[in-house]
């Protein structure tokens, strides 16, 4: 994680009357060390394993701040849990999520992006951000369901 990310987060916190504590910086560093989708429990386990003394509550309270600061995205809800990923400095992408096994597939598609902009223009709508999540069955789960039906 680079200093720019930490500065952006601390700047966001201060501009909203909050302190940029050592705990929040540790959580921020750990979030940017994770290179996959994660939930709050995943993050807490990582922080806890490193004997930081950071509580569940601190992790739960810090993640929404990272989202509001534009550093992290809450990308989906799987099995009743919010799933996050760090997005600052990364190219926009969309998601497909398997409703059976929870697998995430990230993709980009220029045709979809252009179509969304065309639709926004038709409605004189100025987009600032969007998420696209397609839920369904991944290849493996679809094959398992098909085999089960054939029995």
Foldseek 3Di string as FASTA:
>chain_A
DDPVLLVLLQVLQVVVVHHSDPLLVVLVVQQVVDDDKDFLVVSVVVCVVVVPPDDSVNSVVNVVSCVVSVQKDQADAAPNTTIMHGPVPHDDWAWEAENPPGDIDTGDDPVVVVVVVVVCVVVVHDDDDDYDYHYHHDPVVVVVVVVVVVD
